[in-house]
Amino acid sequence: MNRYSSFDPPEYVNWHPDPQVVAEYQRTIDGNPERREIIRALTASQLIGLYEGMLRNRLHDIALQRWVKQGVISKAWLGTGEEATTIGAVHALERRQWSDGLSVDFVAPMIRNAGAYHEMGLPVADMLRGYLGTADSPTRGRDLHIGDFKRGLLAAISHVGDLMAATVGVALSFKMRREPRVALTWIGDGSTKNGMFHEAMNFAAVQRLPIIVIIQNNQVALGTRLDQHHKSSFSSWPEAYGVEGWSYDGNNVLDAYAAVKLAADQCRADASSEPSDRRGPFLLVAETFRMGGHATHDEREARETFDGKLFAHWGKRDPVGLFENHLTEGTLDLESGRRVRRSPSLRDRNASMLKQAEERVTAEVELAISEALASKGIMPSPESAAEGVYAENEASFEFRV
């Protein structure tokens, strides 16, 4: 993929696959038989879709960085380096429409999981309008924490940890109706220290809800390193809550996809079972790293928080670059969808297919930027503040026992 010296982390600008890291990437894919079979079943179209999703995620963040430098917005919260944790998980879900007109599965992204929005069908232009606060943004100018209930997207919540409770509520509704649907959310390593996370996770465990919770361990909470706020490993947490769970490589989109699909398929299979026989919920741990600051305003502080060796370590594990290398050097012909022998001609064909995918996504994001900027003058009217409020006056309340 193209690299952007003005926006990419310095470790990404002249990125080349490291042989040891590439071997580690493949060992992860081959190491778990259940996940390996799920990955082997992916079609060429699905693999290209995963690649496009990560590109879209990366370019969305770059668009926001451009706006910060141009003075269009003051700052932005990015997920650079964590794209696989988001995109792999969302692609493992059912994104088609359910009989109630809503998405089959629901996701509740944190602000750094922006990729979940566009992969669940929200246009990138609308995501960018959320930052501009225009009247035609998904929140009608109220907040940059956008959502779209019809697309199965709960809006992010600034109060870290509180999103867990909302997602648990969605999962509870699926259980009560015995619907084979799944709710999924992410929680940062720092946000797990919030009491709401514990209460919601405990409730989900006791009620055996069809929910997947991903602890996105990006090694830092604001400016606090993991070792300063966390003891031991997150891998022991599923057992502590009495639920099933496992870890996955948060920079390997295939491992992320397979790990989440195993949990999602089981939640769906549990829908018709008695509560006591259900295996859900699932608590997964994604090991990853944020290649920047808490937001665009404190990237220098982030560089001072960690030893440079840590950025170098994770810089070699760029999730987009590693996946691109995996597809280019693999044995699946992305054009025909067939497994063939490795050869220079196959490498060239696959590289060409990925280049075309990048051109499509780049054009899509550039158009989205133009469309969003065209909305800058469409500011919300004061009268719209009451729109979308469940109850505007006392007479509209209805009490039921």
Protein backbone atom coordinates (compact mmCIF):
# COMPACT_ATOMS: atom_id res chain seq x y z
CA MET A 1 0.00 0.00 0.00
CA ASN A 2 1.01 3.61 -0.38
CA ARG A 3 2.76 5.18 2.57
CA TYR A 4 2.29 8.79 3.61
CA SER A 5 5.33 10.37 5.24
CA SER A 6 3.31 13.30 6.61
CA PHE A 7 0.78 11.08 8.38
CA ASP A 8 2.00 7.51 8.87
CA PRO A 9 4.04 6.64 11.98
CA PRO A 10 7.74 6.85 11.05
CA GLU A 11 8.03 3.07 11.45
CA TYR A 12 5.50 2.62 8.64
CA VAL A 13 6.88 5.07 6.07
CA ASN A 14 9.55 2.77 4.62
CA TRP A 15 7.92 -0.43 5.79
CA HIS A 16 9.17 -3.77 4.49
CA PRO A 17 8.19 -7.24 5.72
CA ASP A 18 10.57 -8.59 8.33
CA PRO A 19 11.21 -12.33 7.72
CA GLN A 20 10.94 -13.24 11.40
CA VAL A 21 7.69 -11.32 11.83
CA VAL A 22 6.26 -12.85 8.65
CA ALA A 23 7.11 -16.33 9.97
CA GLU A 24 5.45 -15.45 13.28
CA TYR A 25 2.35 -14.25 11.38
CA GLN A 26 2.10 -17.62 9.59
CA ARG A 27 2.69 -19.60 12.78
CA THR A 28 -0.23 -17.79 14.37
CA ILE A 29 -2.47 -18.82 11.47
CA ASP A 30 -1.31 -22.44 11.55
CA GLY A 31 -1.10 -22.82 15.32
CA ASN A 32 -4.77 -23.26 16.19
CA PRO A 33 -6.54 -26.03 14.18
CA GLU A 34 -10.05 -24.59 14.66
CA ARG A 35 -9.03 -21.11 13.59
CA ARG A 36 -6.91 -22.47 10.74
CA GLU A 37 -9.94 -24.21 9.20
CA ILE A 38 -12.00 -21.03 9.43
CA ILE A 39 -9.25 -19.05 7.74
CA ARG A 40 -8.80 -21.68 5.00
CA ALA A 41 -12.53 -21.41 4.21
CA LEU A 42 -12.28 -17.68 3.41
CA THR A 43 -12.83 -16.92 -0.26
CA ALA A 44 -10.72 -14.56 -2.36
CA SER A 45 -13.58 -12.06 -2.26
CA GLN A 46 -13.73 -12.19 1.54
CA LEU A 47 -9.97 -11.76 1.83
CA ILE A 48 -9.99 -8.74 -0.46
CA GLY A 49 -12.90 -7.40 1.59
CA LEU A 50 -10.80 -7.65 4.75
CA TYR A 51 -7.94 -5.86 3.00
CA GLU A 52 -10.22 -3.10 1.75
CA GLY A 53 -11.69 -2.72 5.23
CA MET A 54 -8.29 -2.13 6.80
CA LEU A 55 -7.30 0.28 4.04
CA ARG A 56 -10.56 2.18 4.50
CA ASN A 57 -9.89 2.35 8.23
CA ARG A 58 -6.31 3.61 7.75
CA LEU A 59 -7.30 6.18 5.12
CA HIS A 60 -10.21 7.44 7.25
CA ASP A 61 -7.70 8.17 10.03
CA ILE A 62 -5.29 9.82 7.59
CA ALA A 63 -8.15 12.04 6.36
CA LEU A 64 -8.70 13.20 9.94
CA GLN A 65 -4.99 13.89 10.37
CA ARG A 66 -5.05 16.01 7.23
CA TRP A 67 -7.94 18.00 8.61
CA VAL A 68 -6.10 18.60 11.88
CA LYS A 69 -3.05 19.92 10.03
CA GLN A 70 -5.24 22.07 7.79
CA GLY A 71 -7.14 23.50 10.75
CA VAL A 72 -10.48 22.01 9.72
CA ILE A 73 -10.80 20.26 13.12
CA SER A 74 -8.80 20.65 16.32
CA LYS A 75 -7.93 17.02 17.01
CA ALA A 76 -8.91 13.44 16.25
CA TRP A 77 -8.80 10.04 17.97
CA LEU A 78 -7.08 7.46 15.78
CA GLY A 79 -6.67 3.69 15.73
CA THR A 80 -3.53 3.49 13.62
CA GLY A 81 -1.92 0.09 14.11
CA GLU A 82 -5.09 -1.47 15.53
CA GLU A 83 -7.10 -1.88 12.33
CA ALA A 84 -7.01 -5.69 12.35
CA THR A 85 -8.53 -5.85 15.83
CA THR A 86 -11.59 -4.02 14.52
CA ILE A 87 -11.95 -5.15 10.90
CA GLY A 88 -11.38 -8.85 11.53
CA ALA A 89 -13.96 -8.88 14.32
CA VAL A 90 -16.67 -7.07 12.35
CA HIS A 91 -16.24 -9.27 9.27
CA ALA A 92 -16.80 -12.33 11.45
CA LEU A 93 -20.34 -11.11 12.24
CA GLU A 94 -23.61 -11.19 10.32
CA ARG A 95 -24.08 -7.77 8.73
CA ARG A 96 -27.24 -8.54 6.76
CA GLN A 97 -30.72 -7.33 7.73
CA TRP A 98 -32.87 -9.15 10.30
CA SER A 99 -36.66 -9.48 10.08
CA ASP A 100 -37.11 -6.40 12.29
CA GLY A 101 -35.35 -4.25 9.70
CA LEU A 102 -32.21 -3.89 11.80
CA SER A 103 -28.84 -5.53 11.35
CA VAL A 104 -28.63 -9.16 12.49
CA ASP A 105 -25.67 -8.47 14.78
CA PHE A 106 -24.92 -5.31 16.74
CA VAL A 107 -21.56 -3.74 17.51
CA ALA A 108 -20.64 -1.03 19.97
CA PRO A 109 -17.33 0.51 18.89
CA MET A 110 -15.03 2.67 20.95
CA ILE A 111 -13.93 5.81 19.13
CA ARG A 112 -10.75 4.03 17.95
CA ASN A 113 -12.81 1.24 16.41
CA ALA A 114 -14.04 3.63 13.71
CA GLY A 115 -13.54 0.89 11.13
CA ALA A 116 -16.57 -0.88 12.59
CA TYR A 117 -18.80 1.95 11.39
CA HIS A 118 -17.93 1.80 7.71
CA GLU A 119 -17.74 -2.00 7.67
CA MET A 120 -21.28 -2.15 9.08
CA GLY A 121 -22.41 0.05 6.19
CA LEU A 122 -22.15 3.65 7.41
CA PRO A 123 -20.73 5.87 4.64
CA VAL A 124 -17.29 7.34 5.36
CA ALA A 125 -18.67 10.77 4.46
CA ASP A 126 -21.16 10.50 7.33
CA MET A 127 -18.38 9.47 9.70
CA LEU A 128 -16.40 12.56 8.73
CA ARG A 129 -19.50 14.74 9.07
CA GLY A 130 -19.66 13.54 12.67
CA TYR A 131 -16.36 15.32 13.33
CA LEU A 132 -17.62 18.46 11.59
CA GLY A 133 -20.86 18.52 13.61
CA THR A 134 -23.05 19.26 10.59
CA ALA A 135 -26.83 18.97 10.54
CA ASP A 136 -26.59 16.05 8.11
CA SER A 137 -24.22 14.04 10.30
CA PRO A 138 -25.52 10.82 11.93
CA THR A 139 -26.02 12.68 15.23
CA ARG A 140 -27.43 15.78 13.48
CA GLY A 141 -24.54 17.82 14.82
CA ARG A 142 -24.83 16.81 18.46
CA ASP A 143 -21.70 14.74 18.99
CA LEU A 144 -18.79 13.15 17.14
CA HIS A 145 -19.64 9.83 18.84
CA ILE A 146 -21.79 8.65 15.96
CA GLY A 147 -24.02 5.59 15.67
CA ASP A 148 -26.72 4.13 13.46
CA PHE A 149 -29.15 1.76 15.17
CA LYS A 150 -30.59 0.47 11.89
CA ARG A 151 -27.14 -0.65 10.84
CA GLY A 152 -26.52 -2.29 14.21
CA LEU A 153 -24.19 0.46 15.41
CA LEU A 154 -24.42 1.71 18.98
CA ALA A 155 -22.90 5.15 19.44
CA ALA A 156 -19.67 5.33 21.39
CA ILE A 157 -19.84 6.83 24.89
CA SER A 158 -17.19 9.20 26.24
CA HIS A 159 -17.50 7.77 29.75
CA VAL A 160 -15.22 4.79 29.29
CA GLY A 161 -16.74 1.47 30.28
CA ASP A 162 -20.35 2.65 30.07
CA LEU A 163 -20.74 1.27 26.55
CA MET A 164 -20.55 -2.21 28.08
CA ALA A 165 -23.88 -1.75 29.85
CA ALA A 166 -25.64 -0.64 26.67
CA THR A 167 -24.26 -3.59 24.72
CA VAL A 168 -25.28 -6.00 27.45
CA GLY A 169 -28.81 -4.61 27.17
CA VAL A 170 -28.90 -5.38 23.45
CA ALA A 171 -27.61 -8.90 24.09
CA LEU A 172 -30.25 -9.40 26.78
CA SER A 173 -32.99 -8.53 24.27
CA PHE A 174 -31.59 -11.16 21.87
CA LYS A 175 -31.65 -13.77 24.64
CA MET A 176 -35.19 -12.94 25.75
CA ARG A 177 -36.45 -13.36 22.18
CA ARG A 178 -34.28 -16.45 21.58
CA GLU A 179 -32.88 -14.85 18.44
CA PRO A 180 -29.61 -16.17 16.95
CA ARG A 181 -28.02 -12.73 17.07
CA VAL A 182 -24.81 -11.46 18.63
CA ALA A 183 -23.74 -8.22 20.29
CA LEU A 184 -20.05 -7.28 20.29
CA THR A 185 -18.08 -4.50 21.92
CA TRP A 186 -14.48 -3.56 22.60
CA ILE A 187 -13.00 -2.27 25.85
CA GLY A 188 -9.55 -0.73 26.26
CA ASP A 189 -7.06 -2.11 28.76
CA GLY A 190 -7.45 1.06 30.82
CA SER A 191 -11.24 1.10 30.60
CA THR A 192 -11.43 -2.35 32.21
CA LYS A 193 -10.66 -0.60 35.50
CA ASN A 194 -14.05 1.11 35.36
CA GLY A 195 -16.70 -0.27 37.71
CA MET A 196 -19.35 -0.27 34.98
CA PHE A 197 -17.28 -2.73 32.96
CA HIS A 198 -17.11 -5.15 35.90
CA GLU A 199 -20.82 -4.89 36.73
CA ALA A 200 -21.88 -5.34 33.10
CA MET A 201 -19.47 -8.23 32.50
CA ASN A 202 -20.66 -9.96 35.66
CA PHE A 203 -24.31 -9.52 34.65
CA ALA A 204 -23.60 -10.88 31.14
CA ALA A 205 -21.86 -13.90 32.65
CA VAL A 206 -24.64 -14.69 35.12
CA GLN A 207 -27.33 -14.27 32.44
CA ARG A 208 -25.34 -16.26 29.82
CA LEU A 209 -25.85 -13.55 27.21
CA PRO A 210 -24.90 -13.76 23.50
CA ILE A 211 -22.23 -11.10 23.75
CA ILE A 212 -18.58 -10.98 22.73
CA VAL A 213 -16.39 -8.57 24.68
CA ILE A 214 -12.95 -7.83 23.27
CA ILE A 215 -10.35 -6.42 25.64
CA GLN A 216 -8.30 -4.32 23.23
CA ASN A 217 -4.97 -4.34 25.02
CA ASN A 218 -3.15 -1.51 23.30
CA GLN A 219 -0.62 -1.27 26.16
CA VAL A 220 -1.57 2.23 27.33
CA ALA A 221 -4.43 4.07 29.05
CA LEU A 222 -4.18 7.72 28.01
CA GLY A 223 -0.59 8.37 29.14
CA THR A 224 -0.39 5.50 31.62
CA ARG A 225 1.58 2.41 30.57
CA LEU A 226 0.00 -1.01 31.07
CA ASP A 227 2.51 -1.97 33.77
CA GLN A 228 1.47 1.11 35.76
CA HIS A 229 -2.21 0.21 35.97
CA HIS A 230 -2.49 -3.55 35.47
CA LYS A 231 -1.20 -6.63 37.28
CA SER A 232 -0.68 -10.04 35.64
CA SER A 233 -2.22 -11.04 32.30
CA PHE A 234 -5.66 -10.45 30.85
CA SER A 235 -5.67 -14.10 29.75
CA SER A 236 -6.85 -15.09 33.25
CA TRP A 237 -9.88 -12.80 33.17
CA PRO A 238 -12.37 -15.11 31.39
CA GLU A 239 -11.95 -17.69 34.14
CA ALA A 240 -12.37 -14.99 36.78
CA TYR A 241 -15.78 -14.10 35.36
CA GLY A 242 -16.75 -17.73 34.81
CA VAL A 243 -16.93 -17.40 31.02
CA GLU A 244 -15.09 -18.79 28.04
CA GLY A 245 -12.49 -16.76 26.22
CA TRP A 246 -9.16 -16.70 24.47
CA SER A 247 -6.50 -14.36 23.18
CA TYR A 248 -5.64 -13.50 19.61
CA ASP A 249 -3.06 -11.50 17.71
CA GLY A 250 -4.66 -8.09 17.36
CA ASN A 251 -2.37 -7.22 14.43
CA ASN A 252 -3.26 -10.34 12.45
CA VAL A 253 -6.63 -9.76 10.77
CA LEU A 254 -7.06 -13.46 9.96
CA ASP A 255 -6.52 -14.51 13.57
CA ALA A 256 -8.92 -11.78 14.68
CA TYR A 257 -11.56 -12.97 12.21
CA ALA A 258 -11.28 -16.62 13.20
CA ALA A 259 -11.16 -15.98 16.96
CA VAL A 260 -14.33 -13.87 16.85
CA LYS A 261 -16.15 -16.17 14.42
CA LEU A 262 -15.69 -19.13 16.78
CA ALA A 263 -17.38 -17.16 19.55
CA ALA A 264 -20.11 -15.69 17.31
CA ASP A 265 -21.05 -19.08 15.86
CA GLN A 266 -21.35 -20.55 19.35
CA CYS A 267 -23.52 -17.64 20.56
CA ARG A 268 -25.83 -18.23 17.61
CA ALA A 269 -25.97 -21.97 18.26
CA ASP A 270 -26.90 -21.25 21.88
CA ALA A 271 -30.00 -19.22 20.93
CA SER A 272 -32.37 -22.18 21.16
CA SER A 273 -30.69 -23.75 24.20
CA GLU A 274 -31.72 -23.46 27.80
CA PRO A 275 -29.83 -20.67 29.58
CA SER A 276 -27.94 -23.14 31.76
CA ASP A 277 -26.62 -24.93 28.65
CA ARG A 278 -25.31 -21.83 26.89
CA ARG A 279 -21.59 -21.25 26.51
CA GLY A 280 -21.72 -17.47 26.06
CA PRO A 281 -20.73 -14.81 26.79
CA PHE A 282 -17.17 -14.75 25.49
CA LEU A 283 -14.34 -12.54 26.72
CA LEU A 284 -11.53 -12.26 24.17
CA VAL A 285 -8.19 -10.49 24.48
CA ALA A 286 -6.61 -8.74 21.49
CA GLU A 287 -2.93 -7.99 21.92
CA THR A 288 -2.10 -4.88 19.90
CA PHE A 289 -0.50 -1.42 20.16
CA ARG A 290 -1.58 2.11 19.38
CA MET A 291 1.02 3.70 17.11
CA GLY A 292 0.31 7.22 18.34
CA GLY A 293 -1.02 9.31 21.20
CA HIS A 294 -4.34 9.37 22.96
CA ALA A 295 -5.32 11.80 20.21
CA THR A 296 -3.49 13.85 17.61
CA HIS A 297 -2.58 16.53 20.16
CA ASP A 298 -0.27 14.37 22.32
CA GLU A 299 1.65 12.15 19.93
CA ARG A 300 4.94 13.53 21.21
CA GLU A 301 3.93 12.55 24.74
CA ALA A 302 3.21 9.02 23.53
CA ARG A 303 6.71 8.78 22.11
CA GLU A 304 8.09 9.88 25.48
CA THR A 305 5.89 7.42 27.42
CA PHE A 306 7.44 4.33 25.85
CA ASP A 307 10.92 3.17 25.01
CA GLY A 308 11.52 3.59 21.29
CA LYS A 309 12.14 -0.16 21.03
CA LEU A 310 8.44 -0.79 21.66
CA PHE A 311 7.42 1.39 18.71
CA ALA A 312 10.06 -0.39 16.60
CA HIS A 313 8.71 -3.79 17.69
CA TRP A 314 5.09 -2.98 16.80
CA GLY A 315 6.11 -0.96 13.76
CA LYS A 316 7.31 -4.19 12.16
CA ARG A 317 3.83 -5.58 12.82
CA ASP A 318 1.83 -3.13 10.72
CA PRO A 319 -1.44 -5.08 10.29
CA VAL A 320 -2.06 -3.73 6.79
CA GLY A 321 1.44 -4.42 5.52
CA LEU A 322 1.59 -7.91 6.99
CA PHE A 323 -1.76 -8.91 5.51
CA GLU A 324 -0.82 -7.47 2.13
CA ASN A 325 2.40 -9.49 2.20
CA HIS A 326 0.48 -12.62 3.22
CA LEU A 327 -1.90 -12.30 0.29
CA THR A 328 0.79 -11.40 -2.23
CA GLU A 329 3.11 -14.25 -1.23
CA GLY A 330 0.39 -16.86 -0.67
CA THR A 331 -0.89 -19.70 -2.81
CA LEU A 332 -4.43 -18.41 -3.33
CA ASP A 333 -4.97 -16.78 -6.70
CA LEU A 334 -7.03 -13.71 -5.80
CA GLU A 335 -8.24 -13.41 -9.38
CA SER A 336 -9.52 -16.97 -9.91
CA GLY A 337 -10.07 -17.93 -6.27
CA ARG A 338 -8.10 -21.18 -6.72
CA ARG A 339 -5.12 -22.54 -4.80
CA VAL A 340 -2.07 -22.81 -7.05
CA ARG A 341 1.70 -23.11 -6.78
CA ARG A 342 3.69 -20.07 -5.75
CA SER A 343 5.28 -18.32 -8.70
CA PRO A 344 6.42 -14.83 -9.76
CA SER A 345 3.39 -14.56 -12.06
CA LEU A 346 1.00 -15.38 -9.16
CA ARG A 347 2.74 -12.79 -6.99
CA ASP A 348 2.31 -10.17 -9.72
CA ARG A 349 -1.37 -11.02 -10.25
CA ASN A 350 -2.16 -10.83 -6.56
CA ALA A 351 -0.21 -7.59 -6.16
CA SER A 352 -2.20 -6.15 -9.06
CA MET A 353 -5.50 -7.21 -7.47
CA LEU A 354 -4.54 -5.53 -4.20
CA LYS A 355 -3.41 -2.40 -6.03
CA GLN A 356 -6.80 -2.18 -7.71
CA ALA A 357 -8.49 -2.61 -4.33
CA GLU A 358 -6.40 0.22 -2.90
CA GLU A 359 -7.28 2.49 -5.82
CA ARG A 360 -11.00 1.80 -5.28
CA VAL A 361 -10.85 2.51 -1.56
CA THR A 362 -8.67 5.60 -2.01
CA ALA A 363 -11.13 7.03 -4.53
CA GLU A 364 -14.01 6.22 -2.16
CA VAL A 365 -12.38 8.02 0.77
CA GLU A 366 -11.35 11.03 -1.31
CA LEU A 367 -14.94 11.38 -2.53
CA ALA A 368 -16.17 11.05 1.06
CA ILE A 369 -13.85 13.88 2.13
CA SER A 370 -15.23 16.13 -0.59
CA GLU A 371 -18.82 15.28 0.29
CA ALA A 372 -18.24 15.91 3.99
CA LEU A 373 -16.54 19.26 3.41
CA ALA A 374 -19.46 20.29 1.20
CA SER A 375 -21.66 19.92 4.29
CA LYS A 376 -19.63 22.36 6.41
CA GLY A 377 -22.15 25.16 5.96
CA ILE A 378 -25.10 22.98 6.98
CA MET A 379 -25.19 23.71 10.68
CA PRO A 380 -27.92 22.28 12.93
CA SER A 381 -30.75 24.61 13.92
CA PRO A 382 -31.54 25.16 17.63
CA GLU A 383 -35.03 23.75 17.05
CA SER A 384 -33.57 20.35 16.12
CA ALA A 385 -32.27 19.82 19.67
CA ALA A 386 -35.56 18.15 20.65
CA GLU A 387 -35.62 15.77 17.68
CA GLY A 388 -35.00 12.14 18.51
CA VAL A 389 -35.68 12.59 22.20
CA TYR A 390 -37.78 9.74 23.53
CA ALA A 391 -40.03 11.90 25.74
CA GLU A 392 -40.28 15.67 25.30
CA ASN A 393 -42.82 16.33 28.07
CA GLU A 394 -44.54 14.61 30.95
CA ALA A 395 -47.70 13.85 28.94
CA SER A 396 -45.74 11.66 26.53
CA PHE A 397 -44.65 9.19 29.20
CA GLU A 398 -46.46 5.87 29.39
CA PHE A 399 -46.08 3.75 32.50
CA ARG A 400 -46.63 0.00 32.40
CA VAL A 401 -46.46 -2.52 35.20
